[in-house]
Amino acid sequence: GVKFDWVPTHWISGVILGLAIVYHLCRVFGVHGLIEMMPAGSDLTMIRREVVFQDIPDEASGKFDVFQKLYHWAASIVVLTLAITGFIMLAKIDTPLWSRDPSILSDWNWGIVYVLHGAGALLLLFLFILHVYFVFLPEYKANLVAMIFGPGPEKMHQPSKESET
């Protein structure tokens, strides 16, 4: 097997992830607002229509559908769990910025931190696989094209001004 010291790479990547999370949260709260990802009443109607197969009229629920919002919240909780437990685990290693101090938690609490971190990693892997699966479903083809070429799905179906003249 290939042997290398993976701990520095892992904790440095975790710190970069933490900085990316802080940047994302500042951007969300400062620029976009949290309201885009909050499930609304029309989202509950969509769940009933999609899951229970009832014939309920479609109501606009914003830029993202309810399943995208729920996926986003699940991914957010998992990534925040990974980041928080990862930053706690940084106390157990020596870095250029601090010396290790594993005595901040008892063995029982360290076990909880490790289990949450490991479960979070597995859940994040599952969410990634789920995300890739849904990208290739036919009903999300417009979203896939928009990710690659730029315009959103709502702009792709509108006729251009050149074609009207």
Protein backbone atom coordinates (compact mmCIF):
# COMPACT_ATOMS: atom_id res chain seq x y z
CA GLY A 1 0.00 0.00 0.00
CA VAL A 2 0.87 3.60 -0.46
CA LYS A 3 1.80 5.22 2.83
CA PHE A 4 1.67 8.95 3.40
CA ASP A 5 0.87 11.32 6.24
CA TRP A 6 -2.78 12.11 5.48
CA VAL A 7 -3.51 14.03 8.70
CA PRO A 8 -2.05 17.41 7.59
CA THR A 9 -3.83 17.19 4.24
CA HIS A 10 -7.07 16.30 6.00
CA TRP A 11 -7.03 19.08 8.59
CA ILE A 12 -5.88 21.72 6.09
CA SER A 13 -8.71 20.69 3.76
CA GLY A 14 -11.10 20.90 6.71
CA VAL A 15 -9.94 24.42 7.55
CA ILE A 16 -10.42 25.43 3.90
CA LEU A 17 -13.91 23.90 4.03
CA GLY A 18 -14.62 25.89 7.20
CA LEU A 19 -13.53 29.12 5.51
CA ALA A 20 -15.73 28.27 2.51
CA ILE A 21 -18.68 27.71 4.87
CA VAL A 22 -18.10 31.09 6.56
CA TYR A 23 -17.88 32.79 3.13
CA HIS A 24 -21.06 31.04 1.97
CA LEU A 25 -22.97 32.00 5.13
CA CYS A 26 -21.87 35.63 4.82
CA ARG A 27 -22.96 35.65 1.18
CA VAL A 28 -26.31 34.03 2.00
CA PHE A 29 -27.15 36.36 4.87
CA GLY A 30 -25.64 39.46 3.29
CA VAL A 31 -26.55 39.15 -0.39
CA HIS A 32 -29.20 36.55 -1.15
CA GLY A 33 -31.12 36.10 2.05
CA LEU A 34 -32.22 32.88 3.67
CA ILE A 35 -35.79 33.08 2.36
CA GLU A 36 -34.92 31.32 -0.95
CA MET A 37 -34.26 28.07 0.90
CA MET A 38 -37.09 28.25 3.43
CA PRO A 39 -39.93 25.83 2.64
CA ALA A 40 -43.22 27.68 2.06
CA GLY A 41 -46.87 26.65 2.25
CA SER A 42 -46.95 26.00 -1.49
CA ASP A 43 -44.10 23.53 -0.97
CA LEU A 44 -46.33 21.40 1.26
CA THR A 45 -48.89 21.33 -1.54
CA MET A 46 -46.16 20.18 -3.91
CA ILE A 47 -45.16 17.36 -1.56
CA ARG A 48 -48.77 16.18 -1.36
CA ARG A 49 -49.09 16.33 -5.15
CA GLU A 50 -45.77 14.57 -5.86
CA VAL A 51 -45.71 11.97 -3.09
CA VAL A 52 -49.40 11.16 -2.64
CA PHE A 53 -50.18 11.56 -6.38
CA GLN A 54 -53.13 13.85 -5.76
CA ASP A 55 -54.40 16.15 -8.49
CA ILE A 56 -53.63 19.47 -6.83
CA PRO A 57 -53.07 22.61 -8.93
CA ASP A 58 -49.45 23.65 -9.31
CA GLU A 59 -48.47 26.78 -7.40
CA ALA A 60 -45.22 28.63 -7.92
CA SER A 61 -42.94 28.06 -4.94
CA GLY A 62 -39.96 30.16 -6.01
CA LYS A 63 -36.70 29.39 -7.71
CA PHE A 64 -36.18 26.02 -6.01
CA ASP A 65 -38.70 23.23 -5.57
CA VAL A 66 -39.35 21.70 -2.15
CA PHE A 67 -37.13 18.69 -2.75
CA GLN A 68 -34.19 20.91 -3.67
CA LYS A 69 -34.81 22.94 -0.52
CA LEU A 70 -34.95 19.81 1.66
CA TYR A 71 -31.81 18.45 0.02
CA HIS A 72 -30.05 21.76 0.67
CA TRP A 73 -31.06 21.72 4.35
CA ALA A 74 -29.92 18.10 4.73
CA ALA A 75 -26.57 18.86 3.10
CA SER A 76 -26.19 21.99 5.23
CA ILE A 77 -26.77 20.10 8.47
CA VAL A 78 -24.35 17.33 7.46
CA VAL A 79 -21.60 19.75 6.37
CA LEU A 80 -21.99 21.88 9.50
CA THR A 81 -21.81 18.73 11.64
CA LEU A 82 -18.63 17.72 9.84
CA ALA A 83 -17.11 21.17 10.25
CA ILE A 84 -17.98 21.53 13.93
CA THR A 85 -16.78 18.06 14.89
CA GLY A 86 -13.70 18.51 12.70
CA PHE A 87 -12.78 21.75 14.45
CA ILE A 88 -13.23 20.05 17.82
CA MET A 89 -10.98 17.21 16.64
CA LEU A 90 -8.25 19.73 15.73
CA ALA A 91 -7.51 19.92 19.47
CA LYS A 92 -6.03 16.41 19.25
CA ILE A 93 -3.30 17.22 16.71
CA ASP A 94 -0.27 19.49 16.63
CA THR A 95 -0.43 22.23 14.02
CA PRO A 96 1.73 25.27 13.34
CA LEU A 97 -0.96 27.35 15.04
CA TRP A 98 -1.44 25.44 18.33
CA SER A 99 -0.26 22.47 20.40
CA ARG A 100 -2.42 19.43 20.91
CA ASP A 101 -4.64 19.24 23.98
CA PRO A 102 -6.82 16.10 23.94
CA SER A 103 -7.92 16.71 27.52
CA ILE A 104 -10.65 19.19 26.52
CA LEU A 105 -13.16 16.32 26.33
CA SER A 106 -13.60 13.02 28.14
CA ASP A 107 -13.14 9.73 26.28
CA TRP A 108 -16.92 9.31 26.10
CA ASN A 109 -17.36 12.75 24.52
CA TRP A 110 -14.48 12.13 22.09
CA GLY A 111 -16.30 8.97 21.04
CA ILE A 112 -19.44 10.98 20.30
CA VAL A 113 -17.42 13.50 18.28
CA TYR A 114 -15.77 10.72 16.24
CA VAL A 115 -19.08 8.94 15.60
CA LEU A 116 -20.77 12.18 14.48
CA HIS A 117 -17.82 13.02 12.22
CA GLY A 118 -17.75 9.55 10.66
CA ALA A 119 -21.52 9.38 10.22
CA GLY A 120 -21.47 12.87 8.71
CA ALA A 121 -18.82 11.79 6.20
CA LEU A 122 -20.90 8.77 5.17
CA LEU A 123 -24.06 10.87 4.89
CA LEU A 124 -22.24 13.44 2.77
CA LEU A 125 -21.06 10.67 0.44
CA PHE A 126 -24.65 9.41 0.20
CA LEU A 127 -25.95 12.93 -0.54
CA PHE A 128 -23.32 13.35 -3.25
CA ILE A 129 -24.38 10.07 -4.91
CA LEU A 130 -28.03 11.13 -4.62
CA HIS A 131 -27.19 14.49 -6.18
CA VAL A 132 -25.44 12.87 -9.14
CA TYR A 133 -28.35 10.44 -9.58
CA PHE A 134 -30.93 13.24 -9.78
CA VAL A 135 -28.83 15.25 -12.24
CA PHE A 136 -29.31 12.55 -14.85
CA LEU A 137 -33.10 12.19 -14.50
CA PRO A 138 -34.92 13.41 -17.63
CA GLU A 139 -37.09 15.95 -15.77
CA TYR A 140 -33.95 17.73 -14.54
CA LYS A 141 -32.26 17.87 -17.96
CA ALA A 142 -32.86 21.64 -18.20
CA ASN A 143 -31.08 22.12 -14.87
CA LEU A 144 -28.10 20.04 -16.06
CA VAL A 145 -27.86 22.06 -19.28
CA ALA A 146 -28.08 25.29 -17.25
CA MET A 147 -25.22 24.16 -15.00
CA ILE A 148 -23.02 23.56 -18.04
CA PHE A 149 -24.03 26.38 -20.40
CA GLY A 150 -25.23 29.11 -18.06
CA PRO A 151 -28.84 30.26 -18.49
CA GLY A 152 -31.38 28.99 -16.00
CA PRO A 153 -34.14 26.56 -17.04
CA GLU A 154 -36.73 29.36 -17.13
CA LYS A 155 -34.61 31.33 -19.64
CA MET A 156 -33.98 28.31 -21.86
CA HIS A 157 -37.65 27.94 -22.78
CA GLN A 158 -38.29 31.61 -23.60
CA PRO A 159 -38.06 32.63 -27.26
CA SER A 160 -35.21 34.98 -28.06
CA LYS A 161 -35.82 38.49 -29.38
CA GLU A 162 -34.04 37.63 -32.68
CA SER A 163 -36.48 34.80 -33.43
CA GLU A 164 -39.48 37.13 -32.98
CA THR A 165 -38.33 39.58 -35.66
